[in-house]
């Protein structure tokens, strides 16, 4: 997917900052900077900013960067206002030097004409994502209880920091970061999101850990192009563990066999026979019956994943998948199944 800078202009605009700025005496215009000087001479930028942030707000992030290469840094401040309900997030930019400052509230344009929930800050980053040598402000806002995120990019255009791009879709249980994944000196925008993979055997309610997928958005000279990107640890291990358990459950023995370290997975018995047939016989007799017993009563609930260990608690037993990195890939070293304690812990 290629998303050009012009796509933001086609979106129906929702001004996240309006209510906040109007309560504070601003007109909500991104181009109408406050012309007034700091309320009291002798105060610095921090005092000026604090005086123009609504009461009842929290500070989500503060960046102090030179966005327009004029050798003067601008302050970009993310705030969330909690009263009155519902809460809402907004971004204030403060410019100035010495004792004279001005500010504006940035406009965040979304494609939801009437959003059920106002977007709240999930994450923020400052990085050069388009290779022009100047930093961009990258924001992710989440919507609703399922933490669907949308990502926005702000760049310096026509004398102000403007939204120039956004993702065309939301990302379920999403997260965002900026990182140079290919070493070319330009940061990519990395988005991870949750999937329903493994829901046949793994509990995937909103409070549970989920198999995750990732994608990157890389500047191609005209816009941000979607590119493949691996998930980071520990979810690379977690994804592998769930995929392995699914392969066993659906009797895809060849796939499961190719995911394990042999002969170690079979223990000492693997020294005599580490073939696919031996693996299939072991899984059929030692693992699948216990999975059947547990899954007949409920699904496996995932615990917090780690790089080398992923645990799943069933109604009767605990399944611990041990993992190692071998030849650049995550492999299964062992699957330990133990009886749950009487307390269920």
Protein backbone atom coordinates (compact mmCIF):
# COMPACT_ATOMS: atom_id res chain seq x y z
CA UNK A 1 0.00 0.00 0.00
CA UNK A 2 1.32 3.43 -0.94
CA UNK A 3 -0.10 6.30 1.04
CA UNK A 4 0.78 9.72 -0.32
CA UNK A 5 0.91 12.94 1.63
CA UNK A 6 -2.23 14.08 -0.20
CA UNK A 7 -4.37 11.31 1.27
CA UNK A 8 -4.82 13.26 4.50
CA UNK A 9 -6.60 16.01 2.56
CA UNK A 10 -9.20 13.52 1.40
CA UNK A 11 -10.12 12.46 4.91
CA UNK A 12 -13.09 13.88 6.74
CA UNK A 13 -11.59 16.06 9.44
CA UNK A 14 -12.14 15.61 13.13
CA UNK A 15 -10.40 18.29 15.15
CA UNK A 16 -9.28 16.60 18.31
CA UNK A 17 -8.08 19.83 19.79
CA UNK A 18 -11.21 21.95 19.41
CA UNK A 19 -12.88 21.45 22.76
CA UNK A 20 -9.62 21.71 24.66
CA UNK A 21 -8.42 24.84 22.95
CA UNK A 22 -11.77 26.61 23.13
CA UNK A 23 -12.04 25.94 26.83
CA UNK A 24 -8.67 27.64 27.12
CA UNK A 25 -9.62 30.67 25.05
CA UNK A 26 -8.09 29.55 21.73
CA UNK A 27 -10.09 29.51 18.52
CA UNK A 28 -8.79 26.05 17.56
CA UNK A 29 -7.11 27.30 14.38
CA UNK A 30 -3.81 25.70 13.54
CA UNK A 31 -2.69 28.82 11.69
CA UNK A 32 -3.75 31.39 14.27
CA UNK A 33 -0.86 31.48 16.71
CA UNK A 34 -1.26 33.33 19.95
CA UNK A 35 0.24 36.74 19.33
CA UNK A 36 0.43 37.59 22.96
CA UNK A 37 3.63 37.55 24.93
CA UNK A 38 4.06 35.32 27.93
CA UNK A 39 1.50 36.27 30.56
CA UNK A 40 4.21 37.44 32.90
CA UNK A 41 7.60 38.73 31.82
CA UNK A 42 10.53 36.75 33.10
CA UNK A 43 8.85 33.38 32.71
CA UNK A 44 10.28 30.73 30.44
CA UNK A 45 8.76 28.37 27.90
CA UNK A 46 7.72 25.81 30.52
CA UNK A 47 5.69 28.41 32.43
CA UNK A 48 4.16 29.67 29.20
CA UNK A 49 3.15 26.16 28.16
CA UNK A 50 1.74 25.32 31.58
CA UNK A 51 -0.37 28.48 31.54
CA UNK A 52 -2.02 27.40 28.27
CA UNK A 53 -2.72 23.75 29.10
CA UNK A 54 -6.25 23.21 30.45
CA UNK A 55 -6.68 22.28 34.09
CA UNK A 56 -7.19 18.58 34.69
CA UNK A 57 -4.77 17.55 31.95
CA UNK A 58 -1.80 15.22 32.06
CA UNK A 59 1.35 15.53 29.97
CA UNK A 60 1.77 12.51 27.69
CA UNK A 61 4.99 13.53 25.95
CA UNK A 62 7.32 16.49 25.40
CA UNK A 63 9.67 16.90 22.43
CA UNK A 64 12.03 19.82 21.91
CA UNK A 65 13.31 19.68 18.33
CA UNK A 66 14.16 21.89 15.39
CA UNK A 67 11.43 20.86 12.96
CA UNK A 68 12.12 23.54 10.32
CA UNK A 69 15.93 23.82 10.29
CA UNK A 70 15.99 27.43 11.51
CA UNK A 71 18.33 26.53 14.39
CA UNK A 72 15.57 27.26 16.90
CA UNK A 73 13.86 24.36 18.62
CA UNK A 74 10.08 24.04 18.86
CA UNK A 75 8.35 22.37 21.80
CA UNK A 76 5.72 19.77 20.94
CA UNK A 77 3.61 18.73 23.91
CA UNK A 78 1.01 15.99 24.02
CA UNK A 79 -1.73 16.42 26.62
CA UNK A 80 -4.82 14.45 27.57
CA UNK A 81 -7.70 16.19 29.30
CA UNK A 82 -9.87 13.94 31.51
CA UNK A 83 -12.61 16.27 32.69
CA UNK A 84 -15.29 16.65 31.66
CA UNK A 85 -15.78 13.10 30.36
CA UNK A 86 -14.99 11.72 27.79
CA UNK A 87 -11.24 12.34 27.81
CA UNK A 88 -9.51 13.73 24.74
CA UNK A 89 -5.94 14.18 23.56
CA UNK A 90 -4.33 17.07 21.72
CA UNK A 91 -0.91 18.38 20.68
CA UNK A 92 0.32 21.87 21.46
CA UNK A 93 3.34 23.42 19.71
CA UNK A 94 5.17 26.29 21.39
CA UNK A 95 7.60 28.54 19.52
CA UNK A 96 9.73 31.40 20.70
CA UNK A 97 12.94 32.42 22.34
CA UNK A 98 13.84 34.42 25.39
CA UNK A 99 10.62 35.63 27.00
CA UNK A 100 8.30 35.87 23.99
CA UNK A 101 6.37 32.77 22.98
CA UNK A 102 3.41 31.76 20.87
CA UNK A 103 1.53 28.49 20.52
CA UNK A 104 -1.01 26.61 18.48
CA UNK A 105 -2.94 23.35 18.73
CA UNK A 106 -2.18 20.91 15.93
CA UNK A 107 -5.03 19.56 13.84
CA UNK A 108 -5.41 15.79 13.80
CA UNK A 109 -7.54 14.69 10.85
CA UNK A 110 -9.18 11.29 10.95
CA UNK A 111 -11.47 9.45 8.56
CA UNK A 112 -14.11 8.88 11.21
CA UNK A 113 -16.70 11.59 10.68
CA UNK A 114 -18.38 10.83 14.00
CA UNK A 115 -16.01 8.64 16.03
CA UNK A 116 -17.57 6.59 18.79
CA UNK A 117 -14.58 7.46 20.93
CA UNK A 118 -12.12 10.32 20.80
CA UNK A 119 -8.62 9.20 19.96
CA UNK A 120 -6.23 9.07 22.92
CA UNK A 121 -2.47 8.97 22.73
CA UNK A 122 -0.91 5.54 22.47
CA UNK A 123 2.65 6.52 21.55
CA UNK A 124 4.67 9.36 20.04
CA UNK A 125 8.05 9.56 18.36
CA UNK A 126 10.24 12.11 16.62
CA UNK A 127 12.41 10.81 13.76
CA UNK A 128 13.41 11.59 10.19
CA UNK A 129 11.06 9.25 8.32
CA UNK A 130 11.26 10.82 4.84
CA UNK A 131 15.02 11.35 4.49
CA UNK A 132 14.93 15.15 4.25
CA UNK A 133 17.21 15.64 7.24
CA UNK A 134 14.43 17.15 9.37
CA UNK A 135 12.45 15.29 12.03
CA UNK A 136 8.79 14.38 11.71
CA UNK A 137 6.38 13.95 14.59
CA UNK A 138 4.77 10.49 14.46
CA UNK A 139 1.74 9.84 16.65
CA UNK A 140 -0.44 6.83 17.29
CA UNK A 141 -3.90 7.34 18.75
CA UNK A 142 -6.06 4.52 20.04
CA UNK A 143 -9.82 4.24 19.87
CA UNK A 144 -12.19 2.18 22.01
CA UNK A 145 -11.71 -0.73 24.34
CA UNK A 146 -10.02 -2.90 21.70
CA UNK A 147 -7.14 -0.42 21.42
CA UNK A 148 -7.45 0.10 17.68
CA UNK A 149 -4.69 2.51 16.68
CA UNK A 150 -4.27 4.93 13.80
CA UNK A 151 -0.86 6.42 13.00
CA UNK A 152 -0.32 10.05 11.95
CA UNK A 153 2.73 11.88 10.60
CA UNK A 154 3.27 15.62 11.07
CA UNK A 155 5.85 17.46 8.95
CA UNK A 156 6.83 21.11 8.61
CA UNK A 157 4.82 22.59 5.71
CA UNK A 158 4.09 26.22 4.84
CA UNK A 159 5.45 27.59 8.09
CA UNK A 160 3.74 25.17 10.46
CA UNK A 161 3.72 21.59 11.66
CA UNK A 162 0.96 19.87 9.68
CA UNK A 163 -0.45 16.41 9.42
CA UNK A 164 0.77 15.06 6.08
CA UNK A 165 -0.10 11.37 6.31
CA UNK A 166 -2.10 8.79 8.24
CA UNK A 167 -2.62 5.07 8.00
CA UNK A 168 -5.64 4.18 5.90
CA UNK A 169 -6.87 1.63 8.44
CA UNK A 170 -6.79 1.00 12.17
CA UNK A 171 -4.71 -1.73 13.80
CA UNK A 172 -6.33 -3.99 16.39
CA UNK A 173 -4.52 -4.01 19.76
CA UNK A 174 -1.87 -2.00 17.95
CA UNK A 175 1.45 -0.46 18.89
CA UNK A 176 3.77 1.90 17.02
CA UNK A 177 7.46 2.79 17.01
CA UNK A 178 9.97 4.36 14.64
CA UNK A 179 13.15 2.46 13.85
CA UNK A 180 15.68 2.23 11.01
CA UNK A 181 15.20 -1.43 10.12
CA UNK A 182 17.27 -1.48 6.92
CA UNK A 183 20.21 0.67 8.02
CA UNK A 184 19.82 3.37 5.35
CA UNK A 185 19.72 6.20 7.88
CA UNK A 186 15.99 6.84 7.46
CA UNK A 187 13.57 5.58 10.11
CA UNK A 188 10.63 3.40 9.19
CA UNK A 189 7.28 3.54 10.98
CA UNK A 190 6.68 0.11 12.53
CA UNK A 191 3.17 -0.98 13.47
CA UNK A 192 2.36 -4.20 15.32
CA UNK A 193 -1.17 -5.49 15.81
CA UNK A 194 -2.97 -8.43 17.34
CA UNK A 195 -4.59 -11.23 15.36
CA UNK A 196 -7.04 -14.02 16.11
CA UNK A 197 -4.63 -16.75 15.00
CA UNK A 198 -4.78 -19.73 17.32
CA UNK A 199 -8.22 -18.90 18.69
CA UNK A 200 -9.30 -22.52 18.13
CA UNK A 201 -7.17 -23.58 21.09
CA UNK A 202 -5.81 -20.36 22.66
CA UNK A 203 -7.92 -17.90 24.65
CA UNK A 204 -7.93 -14.60 22.74
CA UNK A 205 -10.19 -12.38 24.81
CA UNK A 206 -9.28 -8.70 25.09
CA UNK A 207 -7.28 -9.28 28.27
CA UNK A 208 -5.12 -12.05 26.77
CA UNK A 209 -1.84 -11.99 24.91
CA UNK A 210 -2.27 -12.48 21.17
CA UNK A 211 -0.36 -13.64 18.16
CA UNK A 212 0.96 -10.44 16.61
CA UNK A 213 1.88 -9.34 13.12
CA UNK A 214 3.91 -6.34 12.01
CA UNK A 215 4.36 -4.10 9.02
CA UNK A 216 6.54 -1.13 8.24
CA UNK A 217 5.88 2.10 6.37
CA UNK A 218 8.89 3.29 4.41
CA UNK A 219 9.27 6.56 2.51
CA UNK A 220 9.75 5.88 -1.23
CA UNK A 221 10.22 9.49 -2.35
CA UNK A 222 6.52 10.16 -2.83
CA UNK A 223 4.77 8.61 0.14
CA UNK A 224 4.92 5.92 2.79
CA UNK A 225 4.92 2.46 1.24
CA UNK A 226 3.88 -0.56 3.27
CA UNK A 227 6.72 -3.07 3.62
CA UNK A 228 7.04 -6.40 5.46
CA UNK A 229 8.54 -6.34 8.92
CA UNK A 230 9.10 -9.08 11.52
CA UNK A 231 7.58 -8.85 14.97
CA UNK A 232 10.01 -8.22 17.80
CA UNK A 233 10.76 -10.37 20.78
CA UNK A 234 9.13 -11.81 22.79
CA UNK A 235 6.27 -12.03 20.30
CA UNK A 236 8.39 -13.77 17.68
CA UNK A 237 8.72 -16.57 20.24
CA UNK A 238 5.06 -16.37 21.26
CA UNK A 239 3.89 -16.58 17.64
CA UNK A 240 6.10 -19.63 17.12
CA UNK A 241 4.79 -21.33 20.27
CA UNK A 242 1.16 -20.86 19.26
CA UNK A 243 1.87 -22.01 15.71
CA UNK A 244 3.54 -25.15 17.09
CA UNK A 245 0.62 -26.01 19.39
CA UNK A 246 -1.81 -25.50 16.50
CA UNK A 247 0.23 -27.78 14.26
CA UNK A 248 0.09 -30.52 16.89
CA UNK A 249 -3.62 -30.05 17.50
CA UNK A 250 -4.47 -30.21 13.80
CA UNK A 251 -2.11 -33.19 13.31
CA UNK A 252 0.22 -31.35 10.97
CA UNK A 253 3.09 -33.46 12.20
CA UNK A 254 5.48 -32.57 9.40
CA UNK A 255 5.15 -28.85 10.12
CA UNK A 256 5.55 -29.39 13.87
CA UNK A 257 8.55 -31.67 13.26
CA UNK A 258 10.29 -28.98 11.22
CA UNK A 259 9.83 -26.50 14.09
CA UNK A 260 11.66 -28.51 16.77
CA UNK A 261 15.30 -29.12 17.68
CA UNK A 262 16.09 -32.78 17.18
CA UNK A 263 17.02 -35.05 18.81
CA UNK A 264 16.70 -32.88 21.93
CA UNK A 265 12.93 -32.56 21.74
CA UNK A 266 12.54 -36.34 22.19
CA UNK A 267 15.03 -36.51 25.03
CA UNK A 268 17.34 -39.51 25.27
CA UNK A 269 15.02 -41.54 23.05
CA UNK A 270 15.90 -39.18 20.22
CA UNK A 271 19.47 -40.55 20.23
CA UNK A 272 18.16 -43.83 18.83
CA UNK A 273 15.52 -42.45 16.47
CA UNK A 274 14.94 -38.79 15.63
CA UNK A 275 12.85 -39.40 12.51
CA UNK A 276 9.49 -37.87 11.64
CA UNK A 277 7.87 -41.20 12.45
CA UNK A 278 9.39 -41.23 15.94
CA UNK A 279 8.30 -37.62 16.50
CA UNK A 280 4.76 -38.40 15.34
CA UNK A 281 4.55 -41.42 17.63
CA UNK A 282 5.76 -39.38 20.62
CA UNK A 283 3.34 -36.51 20.00
CA UNK A 284 0.39 -38.85 19.39
CA UNK A 285 0.95 -40.72 22.65
CA UNK A 286 2.38 -38.10 25.01
CA UNK A 287 1.07 -34.70 23.96
CA UNK A 288 -2.19 -34.84 22.00
CA UNK A 289 -4.11 -36.87 24.64
CA UNK A 290 -3.34 -34.22 27.26
CA UNK A 291 -4.27 -31.43 24.84
CA UNK A 292 -7.54 -33.25 24.12
CA UNK A 293 -8.29 -33.58 27.83
CA UNK A 294 -7.73 -29.89 28.45
CA UNK A 295 -9.38 -28.53 25.32
CA UNK A 296 -12.50 -30.57 25.96
CA UNK A 297 -13.00 -28.38 29.04
CA UNK A 298 -11.76 -25.00 27.83
CA UNK A 299 -9.03 -23.19 25.97
CA UNK A 300 -5.40 -22.62 26.91
CA UNK A 301 -4.83 -19.24 28.56
CA UNK A 302 -1.49 -17.61 27.68
CA UNK A 303 0.72 -16.13 30.37
CA UNK A 304 3.21 -13.34 29.77
CA UNK A 305 5.56 -14.48 26.98
CA UNK A 306 9.33 -14.46 27.23
CA UNK A 307 12.04 -14.85 24.59
CA UNK A 308 12.85 -18.44 25.61
CA UNK A 309 9.68 -19.59 27.32
CA UNK A 310 5.93 -19.31 26.65
CA UNK A 311 3.39 -20.77 29.08
CA UNK A 312 -0.25 -21.67 28.58
CA UNK A 313 -2.59 -22.72 31.35
CA UNK A 314 -5.32 -25.23 30.56
CA UNK A 315 -8.19 -26.41 32.76
CA UNK A 316 -6.09 -29.39 33.95
CA UNK A 317 -2.46 -28.81 32.95
CA UNK A 318 0.19 -26.20 32.26
CA UNK A 319 1.92 -26.28 28.88
CA UNK A 320 5.40 -24.73 28.77
CA UNK A 321 7.02 -24.26 25.37
CA UNK A 322 10.79 -23.74 25.54
CA UNK A 323 12.42 -21.99 22.58
CA UNK A 324 15.89 -21.23 21.25
CA UNK A 325 17.25 -19.37 18.25
CA UNK A 326 18.98 -21.70 15.82
CA UNK A 327 20.32 -20.76 12.38
CA UNK A 328 18.52 -17.44 12.61
CA UNK A 329 15.13 -19.01 13.35
CA UNK A 330 13.13 -19.56 16.51
CA UNK A 331 12.88 -23.31 17.18
CA UNK A 332 11.11 -25.43 19.80
CA UNK A 333 13.48 -27.11 22.21
CA UNK A 334 10.94 -28.73 24.52
CA UNK A 335 7.29 -28.89 25.51
CA UNK A 336 6.78 -29.58 29.20
CA UNK A 337 3.32 -30.48 30.47
CA UNK A 338 2.71 -30.40 34.22
CA UNK A 339 -0.38 -30.85 36.35
CA UNK A 340 -1.89 -27.67 37.70
CA UNK A 341 -1.70 -27.14 41.43
CA UNK A 342 -4.96 -27.57 43.37
CA UNK A 343 -5.28 -23.77 43.61
CA UNK A 344 -5.18 -23.53 39.80
CA UNK A 345 -1.99 -21.45 39.80
